[in-house]
Protein backbone atom coordinates (compact mmCIF):
# COMPACT_ATOMS: atom_id res chain seq x y z
CA MET A 1 9.25 -13.39 13.14
CA GLU A 2 10.62 -10.01 14.11
CA ILE A 3 11.24 -7.57 11.19
CA ALA A 4 13.46 -4.56 11.67
CA ILE A 5 12.62 -1.69 9.25
CA GLU A 6 14.65 1.63 8.59
CA HIS A 7 13.04 3.94 6.00
CA SER A 8 14.30 7.04 4.94
CA THR A 9 12.85 9.71 2.74
CA VAL A 10 15.06 12.70 1.68
CA HIS A 11 13.95 15.88 -0.15
CA ILE A 12 16.73 18.30 -1.54
CA TYR A 13 15.55 21.48 -2.76
CA GLU A 14 17.07 23.60 -5.33
CA HIS A 15 16.03 26.92 -3.75
CA PRO A 16 15.45 27.12 0.31
CA VAL A 17 11.80 26.49 1.16
CA ARG A 18 9.90 28.71 3.63
CA TYR A 19 6.98 26.61 4.33
CA GLY A 20 5.94 23.09 4.03
CA VAL A 21 3.27 20.44 5.32
CA GLN A 22 3.68 16.66 5.23
CA GLU A 23 0.77 14.44 5.94
CA LEU A 24 2.55 10.98 6.99
CA ARG A 25 0.73 7.37 7.01
CA LEU A 26 3.57 6.00 8.46
CA THR A 27 2.45 4.35 11.43
CA PRO A 28 1.61 0.28 11.32
CA PRO A 29 -1.53 -0.82 13.25
CA ASN A 30 -1.54 -3.95 15.57
CA THR A 31 -3.47 -6.67 13.86
CA PRO A 32 -3.97 -10.65 14.40
CA SER A 33 -0.85 -11.09 12.30
CA GLN A 34 1.65 -8.08 13.51
CA GLN A 35 2.22 -6.53 16.63
CA VAL A 36 4.28 -3.16 16.56
CA LEU A 37 6.94 -3.60 19.22
CA ASP A 38 8.95 -0.29 18.80
CA TRP A 39 8.27 2.40 16.12
CA ARG A 40 9.50 6.03 15.69
CA ILE A 41 9.17 8.86 13.18
CA GLU A 42 11.85 11.41 13.24
CA MET A 43 11.56 14.73 11.09
CA PRO A 44 11.55 18.44 12.08
CA GLY A 45 8.26 19.36 13.81
CA ILE A 46 6.89 15.66 14.50
CA GLU A 47 6.94 16.65 18.28
CA GLY A 48 4.07 19.07 17.57
CA ALA A 49 2.42 17.09 14.74
CA ALA A 50 -1.50 16.77 14.91
CA LYS A 51 -2.79 13.15 14.83
CA TRP A 52 -5.96 11.53 14.01
CA PHE A 53 -7.65 8.39 12.14
CA ASP A 54 -8.46 9.27 8.63
CA ALA A 55 -11.48 7.91 6.69
CA TRP A 56 -9.79 4.53 6.09
CA GLY A 57 -8.92 3.77 9.42
CA ASN A 58 -5.08 4.82 9.19
CA LEU A 59 -3.25 6.94 11.98
CA VAL A 60 -2.06 10.28 10.21
CA HIS A 61 0.50 12.51 11.46
CA LEU A 62 0.21 16.14 10.06
CA VAL A 63 3.81 17.83 10.36
CA ASN A 64 4.35 21.75 9.46
CA GLN A 65 7.81 23.15 8.51
CA THR A 66 7.75 26.98 9.24
CA ARG A 67 11.51 27.52 9.26
CA GLU A 68 13.34 27.95 6.15
CA HIS A 69 15.15 24.77 5.09
CA SER A 70 16.99 23.34 2.09
CA ASP A 71 16.28 19.79 2.58
CA LEU A 72 14.23 17.46 4.81
CA GLU A 73 14.66 14.01 6.02
CA ILE A 74 11.64 11.81 7.11
CA ARG A 75 13.17 8.88 8.85
CA VAL A 76 11.25 5.77 10.31
CA THR A 77 12.81 3.10 12.41
CA GLY A 78 10.93 0.21 14.26
CA LEU A 79 10.66 -3.51 15.17
CA VAL A 80 7.24 -5.62 14.27
CA GLY A 81 6.66 -8.92 15.35
CA THR A 82 4.62 -10.83 12.68
CA SER A 83 3.04 -14.26 12.50
CA ASP A 84 1.43 -16.11 9.22
CA ALA A 85 -2.47 -15.72 9.67
CA ASP A 86 -3.25 -16.88 6.10
CA GLY A 87 -3.77 -13.26 5.12
CA ILE A 88 -6.73 -13.09 7.39
CA ILE A 89 -6.98 -9.58 9.04
CA GLY A 90 -10.52 -9.68 9.96
CA GLU A 91 -11.85 -6.29 11.42
CA LEU A 92 -9.63 -3.48 12.45
CA PRO A 93 -10.51 -0.66 14.96
CA ASN A 94 -11.59 2.66 12.97
CA SER A 95 -12.17 0.83 9.82
CA PRO A 96 -15.21 2.06 7.78
CA THR A 97 -18.04 0.00 6.60
CA PRO A 98 -16.67 -2.41 3.79
CA ARG A 99 -19.23 -1.39 1.13
CA ILE A 100 -17.35 2.13 0.70
CA PHE A 101 -14.46 0.06 -0.83
CA VAL A 102 -16.70 -0.81 -4.04
CA ARG A 103 -16.17 2.80 -5.06
CA GLU A 104 -14.22 3.45 -8.33
CA THR A 105 -11.33 5.88 -8.64
CA PRO A 106 -9.66 7.15 -11.65
CA LEU A 107 -6.78 4.83 -11.12
CA THR A 108 -9.17 1.88 -10.95
CA ARG A 109 -11.97 2.74 -13.48
CA ALA A 110 -12.70 -0.37 -15.43
CA ASP A 111 -12.48 -0.45 -19.27
CA ARG A 112 -13.74 -3.32 -21.53
CA SER A 113 -10.68 -5.36 -20.90
CA LEU A 114 -11.07 -5.05 -16.96
CA SER A 115 -14.76 -5.69 -17.50
CA ALA A 116 -14.08 -8.72 -19.73
CA ILE A 117 -12.00 -10.29 -16.69
CA ALA A 118 -14.94 -9.58 -14.35
CA ALA A 119 -17.30 -11.31 -16.50
CA SER A 120 -15.12 -14.26 -16.98
CA LEU A 121 -14.77 -14.78 -13.14
CA GLU A 122 -18.55 -14.16 -12.19
CA GLY A 123 -20.29 -17.13 -10.97
CA LYS A 124 -17.45 -19.63 -11.84
CA HIS A 125 -16.02 -20.14 -8.24
CA ARG A 126 -17.05 -22.13 -5.37
CA ASP A 127 -16.46 -19.22 -2.98
CA GLN A 128 -15.00 -15.78 -2.70
CA ILE A 129 -11.48 -17.34 -1.77
CA ALA A 130 -11.34 -19.26 -5.10
CA LEU A 131 -12.40 -16.42 -6.79
CA TYR A 132 -9.65 -13.86 -5.67
CA HIS A 133 -6.94 -16.44 -6.28
CA ALA A 134 -8.33 -16.94 -9.72
CA LEU A 135 -8.12 -13.41 -10.35
CA MET A 136 -4.56 -13.11 -9.18
CA GLU A 137 -3.71 -15.72 -11.56
CA ALA A 138 -5.62 -14.07 -14.29
CA ILE A 139 -3.67 -10.81 -13.68
CA ARG A 140 -0.24 -12.80 -13.59
CA GLU A 141 -0.97 -14.25 -17.08
CA ARG A 142 -1.83 -11.01 -18.61
CA VAL A 143 0.82 -8.63 -16.86
CA GLU A 144 4.62 -9.01 -16.47
CA PHE A 145 6.25 -7.46 -13.54
CA ASP A 146 8.53 -4.57 -14.95
CA ALA A 147 9.57 -1.51 -12.96
CA GLY A 148 10.43 0.51 -16.05
CA GLN A 149 6.96 0.77 -17.90
CA THR A 150 4.77 2.36 -15.47
CA ASP A 151 4.51 5.24 -12.79
CA MET A 152 2.19 6.68 -9.97
CA THR A 153 -0.06 8.11 -12.40
CA THR A 154 -0.62 4.75 -14.49
CA SER A 155 -4.24 3.37 -14.01
CA ALA A 156 -5.28 -0.27 -13.85
CA ALA A 157 -6.47 -0.09 -17.69
CA ASP A 158 -3.18 1.45 -18.89
CA ALA A 159 -1.48 -1.13 -16.86
CA LEU A 160 -3.36 -4.07 -18.48
CA LYS A 161 -3.30 -2.81 -21.92
CA SER A 162 0.46 -2.26 -21.86
CA GLY A 163 1.00 -5.76 -20.00
CA HIS A 164 3.61 -4.56 -17.71
CA GLY A 165 3.67 -3.18 -14.19
CA VAL A 166 4.77 -3.10 -10.80
CA CYS A 167 3.04 -4.15 -7.60
CA GLN A 168 0.84 -0.84 -7.57
CA ASP A 169 -0.41 -1.68 -10.96
CA PHE A 170 -1.22 -5.42 -10.06
CA ALA A 171 -3.08 -4.13 -6.85
CA HIS A 172 -5.15 -1.69 -9.10
CA ILE A 173 -6.02 -4.15 -11.70
CA PHE A 174 -7.21 -6.68 -8.96
CA LEU A 175 -9.34 -3.57 -7.23
CA SER A 176 -10.85 -2.73 -10.57
CA VAL A 177 -11.91 -6.10 -11.20
CA CYS A 178 -13.45 -6.51 -7.67
CA ARG A 179 -15.41 -3.28 -8.05
CA ARG A 180 -16.75 -4.28 -11.21
CA LEU A 181 -18.11 -7.58 -9.68
CA ASP A 182 -19.60 -5.16 -6.55
CA LEU A 183 -17.06 -6.91 -4.03
CA PRO A 184 -15.40 -4.65 -1.57
CA ALA A 185 -11.71 -4.41 -1.88
CA ARG A 186 -9.02 -1.98 -0.69
CA TYR A 187 -5.34 -0.99 -1.51
CA VAL A 188 -2.58 -1.76 0.96
CA THR A 189 0.84 -0.48 1.52
CA GLY A 190 3.59 -1.77 3.87
CA TYR A 191 6.88 -3.38 4.04
CA LEU A 192 8.10 -6.76 2.53
CA VAL A 193 11.16 -9.10 3.43
CA VAL A 194 11.66 -9.99 -0.03
CA ARG A 195 12.57 -13.82 -0.61
CA GLU A 196 14.03 -15.58 -3.63
CA GLY A 197 11.36 -15.42 -6.24
CA ASP A 198 9.25 -12.68 -4.93
CA VAL A 199 8.87 -9.57 -7.12
CA GLY A 200 8.43 -6.12 -6.00
CA ALA A 201 10.66 -3.64 -3.86
CA GLU A 202 10.91 -3.43 -0.01
CA ALA A 203 10.01 0.51 -0.47
CA GLN A 204 6.24 0.82 -0.44
CA HIS A 205 5.25 -2.69 -1.62
CA ALA A 206 1.52 -2.87 -2.31
CA TRP A 207 -1.25 -5.45 -2.09
CA VAL A 208 -4.93 -5.67 -1.52
CA GLU A 209 -7.70 -6.81 1.04
CA ALA A 210 -10.77 -7.92 0.15
CA ASP A 211 -14.02 -8.31 2.42
CA VAL A 212 -14.64 -12.19 2.66
CA ALA A 213 -18.03 -13.26 4.31
CA GLY A 214 -17.39 -14.69 7.61
CA LEU A 215 -13.68 -14.02 7.83
CA GLY A 216 -13.63 -10.00 7.30
CA TRP A 217 -10.51 -8.68 5.51
CA VAL A 218 -8.26 -10.98 3.76
CA GLY A 219 -5.01 -9.88 1.93
CA PHE A 220 -3.92 -10.88 -1.22
CA ASP A 221 -0.67 -10.00 -2.82
CA PRO A 222 -1.43 -10.14 -6.75
CA ALA A 223 2.25 -9.22 -7.81
CA ASN A 224 3.29 -12.58 -6.15
CA GLY A 225 0.22 -14.70 -6.38
CA ILE A 226 0.06 -15.46 -2.55
CA CYS A 227 -1.91 -14.28 0.42
CA PRO A 228 0.65 -11.98 2.73
CA ASP A 229 2.37 -14.14 5.51
CA ASP A 230 4.98 -13.07 8.04
CA HIS A 231 7.17 -11.52 5.55
CA TYR A 232 4.53 -8.67 5.32
CA VAL A 233 4.25 -5.47 7.51
CA ARG A 234 1.08 -3.73 6.86
CA LEU A 235 1.14 -0.06 6.86
CA ALA A 236 -1.87 1.74 5.57
CA CYS A 237 -4.93 1.20 3.17
CA GLY A 238 -7.38 3.23 1.04
CA LEU A 239 -9.19 3.38 -2.16
CA ASP A 240 -6.06 3.43 -4.23
CA ALA A 241 -2.37 4.19 -4.02
CA ALA A 242 -3.03 7.94 -4.02
CA ASP A 243 -5.30 7.47 -0.85
CA ALA A 244 -2.72 5.12 0.90
CA ALA A 245 0.42 6.89 0.13
CA PRO A 246 2.63 6.84 3.06
CA ILE A 247 3.85 10.50 2.51
CA ARG A 248 1.92 13.49 0.99
CA GLY A 249 3.21 16.93 1.04
CA ILE A 250 3.25 20.39 -0.20
CA ARG A 251 5.76 23.27 0.02
CA ARG A 252 5.98 26.97 -0.62
CA GLY A 253 8.96 27.66 -2.90
CA SER A 254 10.27 27.23 -6.36
CA GLY A 255 12.81 25.00 -7.95
CA THR A 256 13.18 21.34 -8.42
CA ASP A 257 13.05 18.86 -5.57
CA THR A 258 15.43 15.76 -5.78
CA LEU A 259 14.04 12.81 -3.86
CA SER A 260 15.92 9.82 -2.56
CA VAL A 261 14.32 7.11 -0.53
CA SER A 262 16.26 4.06 1.03
CA VAL A 263 14.74 1.31 2.94
CA SER A 264 16.01 -1.79 4.87
CA VAL A 265 13.51 -4.45 5.90
CA LEU A 266 15.52 -7.34 7.69
CA LYS A 267 14.17 -10.44 9.22
CA GLN A 268 15.48 -10.64 12.93
CA THR A 269 14.46 -13.88 14.70
CA GLN A 270 12.29 -16.62 13.36
CA GLN A 271 9.74 -18.08 16.02
């Protein structure tokens, strides 16, 4: 399948901004299930951006805005070829050792309820794949997909307690339980061609990858209860949503910042 992506992020500032810095994780890698056919990032200053691979293996662009501006648009367009590999990513270049992904963060720290889910799964399944599918089912039994109940600061424990959440919350709960079981797992951001019955949004859809003996990294989408297939485009990964955020920035100036995001993710051809 070929997937065409258009992703625009626009900031409108109440007062002119004299200086800003944007850190972008907006470049998808080539993997066994996706090949980047065309990809462009357009914004002021992108031509002189510093580039490096971060600690998680993501390609990062650091862009400076040194001229006074009242708005800023970050626009991404691209074409990615995908195939269904049953969620298997394997090992990617520039990735750190999987053991680093057992580290808890404030967003994935386990409380008693999350620890109880981990205890209910431990030693009950024939292999890791079966365990992770059982974990996805356990999360979906306890949490209803609801876009109005949580935000970027909601922890796994708070989302589980409320019984409501979005794809980010489903992913954080999955990670929290894995880390309680001492199993490496990481947060993934990307794009999704939404099908009938899918939950989530095309903008910054989130899922997880878990390290499986003999296979390497394997993807799981707890919000939809499946392994990612050819409808998914992987963008970046990290310990949690904050690590893997496609765009992070700071600015020098006062006043409010009005943000608008538009995303188009369209299937072009079927192989």
